[in-house]
């Protein structure tokens, strides 16, 4: 939320941290943290899901996409 408001509206970080009850150092620690393994896996899955959907010409539903992803993981 802080990043979004800072980028879109130009609000300063320090007052937003104060209003939201977040320390400035905590905000910057969060902002500079490397993505977790879970986040990286989620991003990888998003790409795989979009690719499977495109291969199905937009007609594959969730069940078919999941089946295709399982088949890809077995390879």
C-alpha atoms as a PDB file:
ATOM      1  CA  UNK A   1       0.000   0.000   0.000  1.00  0.00           C
ATOM      2  CA  UNK A   2       2.779   2.438   0.895  1.00  0.00           C
ATOM      3  CA  UNK A   3       4.646   1.698  -2.331  1.00  0.00           C
ATOM      4  CA  UNK A   4       1.491   2.115  -4.394  1.00  0.00           C
ATOM      5  CA  UNK A   5       0.556   5.454  -2.813  1.00  0.00           C
ATOM      6  CA  UNK A   6       4.144   6.676  -3.033  1.00  0.00           C
ATOM      7  CA  UNK A   7       4.365   5.862  -6.750  1.00  0.00           C
ATOM      8  CA  UNK A   8       0.855   6.878  -7.826  1.00  0.00           C
ATOM      9  CA  UNK A   9       0.207   9.890  -5.598  1.00  0.00           C
ATOM     10  CA  UNK A  10       3.720  10.950  -4.573  1.00  0.00           C
ATOM     11  CA  UNK A  11       2.956  10.729  -0.845  1.00  0.00           C
ATOM     12  CA  UNK A  12       6.055  10.802   1.380  1.00  0.00           C
ATOM     13  CA  UNK A  13       7.049   7.548   3.088  1.00  0.00           C
ATOM     14  CA  UNK A  14       7.574   8.786   6.650  1.00  0.00           C
ATOM     15  CA  UNK A  15       4.070  10.211   7.236  1.00  0.00           C
ATOM     16  CA  UNK A  16       2.445   7.143   5.635  1.00  0.00           C
ATOM     17  CA  UNK A  17       4.458   4.846   7.908  1.00  0.00           C
ATOM     18  CA  UNK A  18       3.373   6.899  10.918  1.00  0.00           C
ATOM     19  CA  UNK A  19      -0.329   6.823   9.951  1.00  0.00           C
ATOM     20  CA  UNK A  20      -0.230   3.084   9.199  1.00  0.00           C
ATOM     21  CA  UNK A  21       1.743   2.217  12.338  1.00  0.00           C
ATOM     22  CA  UNK A  22       4.749   0.854  10.454  1.00  0.00           C
ATOM     23  CA  UNK A  23       8.330   1.728  11.294  1.00  0.00           C
ATOM     24  CA  UNK A  24      10.300   3.401   8.526  1.00  0.00           C
ATOM     25  CA  UNK A  25      13.083   0.838   8.916  1.00  0.00           C
ATOM     26  CA  UNK A  26      10.536  -2.002   8.746  1.00  0.00           C
ATOM     27  CA  UNK A  27       9.099  -0.610   5.533  1.00  0.00           C
ATOM     28  CA  UNK A  28      12.522  -0.325   3.893  1.00  0.00           C
ATOM     29  CA  UNK A  29      13.521  -3.800   5.144  1.00  0.00           C
ATOM     30  CA  UNK A  30      10.354  -5.232   3.551  1.00  0.00           C
ATOM     31  CA  UNK A  31      10.907  -3.282   0.333  1.00  0.00           C
ATOM     32  CA  UNK A  32      14.498  -4.466  -0.073  1.00  0.00           C
ATOM     33  CA  UNK A  33      13.847  -8.096   0.893  1.00  0.00           C
ATOM     34  CA  UNK A  34      14.419 -10.715  -1.774  1.00  0.00           C
ATOM     35  CA  UNK A  35      11.315 -12.626  -2.896  1.00  0.00           C
ATOM     36  CA  UNK A  36      10.557 -15.786  -0.930  1.00  0.00           C
ATOM     37  CA  UNK A  37      10.669 -19.241  -2.479  1.00  0.00           C
ATOM     38  CA  UNK A  38       6.848 -19.262  -2.337  1.00  0.00           C
ATOM     39  CA  UNK A  39       6.608 -15.964  -4.235  1.00  0.00           C
ATOM     40  CA  UNK A  40       9.039 -17.211  -6.902  1.00  0.00           C
ATOM     41  CA  UNK A  41       7.069 -20.450  -7.296  1.00  0.00           C
ATOM     42  CA  UNK A  42       3.798 -18.510  -7.569  1.00  0.00           C
ATOM     43  CA  UNK A  43       5.276 -16.361 -10.345  1.00  0.00           C
ATOM     44  CA  UNK A  44       6.524 -19.476 -12.169  1.00  0.00           C
ATOM     45  CA  UNK A  45       3.055 -21.015 -11.929  1.00  0.00           C
ATOM     46  CA  UNK A  46       1.394 -17.863 -13.285  1.00  0.00           C
ATOM     47  CA  UNK A  47       3.569 -18.074 -16.395  1.00  0.00           C
ATOM     48  CA  UNK A  48       2.847 -21.805 -16.809  1.00  0.00           C
ATOM     49  CA  UNK A  49      -0.909 -21.275 -16.361  1.00  0.00           C
ATOM     50  CA  UNK A  50      -1.006 -18.461 -18.927  1.00  0.00           C
ATOM     51  CA  UNK A  51       0.999 -20.579 -21.393  1.00  0.00           C
ATOM     52  CA  UNK A  52      -1.356 -23.562 -20.940  1.00  0.00           C
ATOM     53  CA  UNK A  53      -4.356 -21.289 -21.414  1.00  0.00           C
ATOM     54  CA  UNK A  54      -2.873 -19.895 -24.643  1.00  0.00           C
ATOM     55  CA  UNK A  55      -2.043 -23.383 -25.934  1.00  0.00           C
ATOM     56  CA  UNK A  56      -5.709 -24.248 -25.433  1.00  0.00           C
ATOM     57  CA  UNK A  57      -6.644 -21.122 -27.435  1.00  0.00           C
ATOM     58  CA  UNK A  58      -8.448 -19.733 -24.405  1.00  0.00           C
ATOM     59  CA  UNK A  59     -10.828 -22.674 -24.133  1.00  0.00           C
ATOM     60  CA  UNK A  60      -9.152 -24.664 -21.329  1.00  0.00           C
ATOM     61  CA  UNK A  61     -10.856 -24.420 -17.972  1.00  0.00           C
ATOM     62  CA  UNK A  62      -9.237 -24.862 -14.564  1.00  0.00           C
ATOM     63  CA  UNK A  63      -9.445 -28.666 -14.589  1.00  0.00           C
ATOM     64  CA  UNK A  64      -7.797 -29.055 -18.003  1.00  0.00           C
ATOM     65  CA  UNK A  65      -5.097 -26.505 -17.158  1.00  0.00           C
ATOM     66  CA  UNK A  66      -4.346 -28.320 -13.890  1.00  0.00           C
ATOM     67  CA  UNK A  67      -4.094 -31.649 -15.737  1.00  0.00           C
ATOM     68  CA  UNK A  68      -1.698 -30.102 -18.246  1.00  0.00           C
ATOM     69  CA  UNK A  69       0.451 -28.599 -15.496  1.00  0.00           C
ATOM     70  CA  UNK A  70       0.643 -31.964 -13.732  1.00  0.00           C
ATOM     71  CA  UNK A  71       1.725 -33.608 -16.991  1.00  0.00           C
ATOM     72  CA  UNK A  72       4.439 -30.957 -17.485  1.00  0.00           C
ATOM     73  CA  UNK A  73       5.753 -31.487 -13.936  1.00  0.00           C
ATOM     74  CA  UNK A  74       6.102 -35.240 -14.610  1.00  0.00           C
ATOM     75  CA  UNK A  75       8.472 -34.575 -17.523  1.00  0.00           C
END
